Amino acid sequence: MNDFKFNVLVVVVFVVLGGIVYWSVSSMNNDVYYTRDIANADPVVVATNDEPVEIPTEVVETPEPVETVSEHADLIAKIEKLVSDKIYMKSGSQGTRVGTVQEFLNLYNGTSNIVDNDYGPGTKQSVINFQTAEGLGADGETGPNTYAKMIEWLESN
């Protein structure tokens, strides 16, 4: 008797599933088939229900990202060179690298002090003020951390 009930249950399940499949297939819109006229490379798709459908053929190109060039690109490059050359400066340092720091400090402070390539007391105090304002250890000496903050400031201003 158990085999009979099981067989009836299997038949009922298959009948229900068959009905669902039949309903889903028969409810589809089967009278439209789309083909593309490859021979003529025609952008029009012909449908079997005689209603042509226009396919847009315009190619829309995605613009390449535009790299914005900072107006301070030259100064940023000079400061990045200080980092890559592992340059540390303090009172008494001299040369064009000191001039790079002084150039930055003029820009940062909105001043036009003379760039004399000499890391004197004025430059040291300006560096201390910058370091304090940017949350760095304010020792008045420049190194990678100070240069990184300089670059960060230039890129955001």
Foldseek 3Di string as FASTA:
>chain_A
DVVVVVVVVVVVVVVVVVVVVVVVVVPDPPQWDWDQPPVVNDQWIAINVRDIDGDDPDDDDDDDDDDDQFPCNVLLVLLVVCQVVFPKDAAAFFDVNQLSLVVLLCVVVVHDDDSRRHRHPVQLVSLLVQCVVQVHDRPSMDGDVSSVVSSVVSVVD
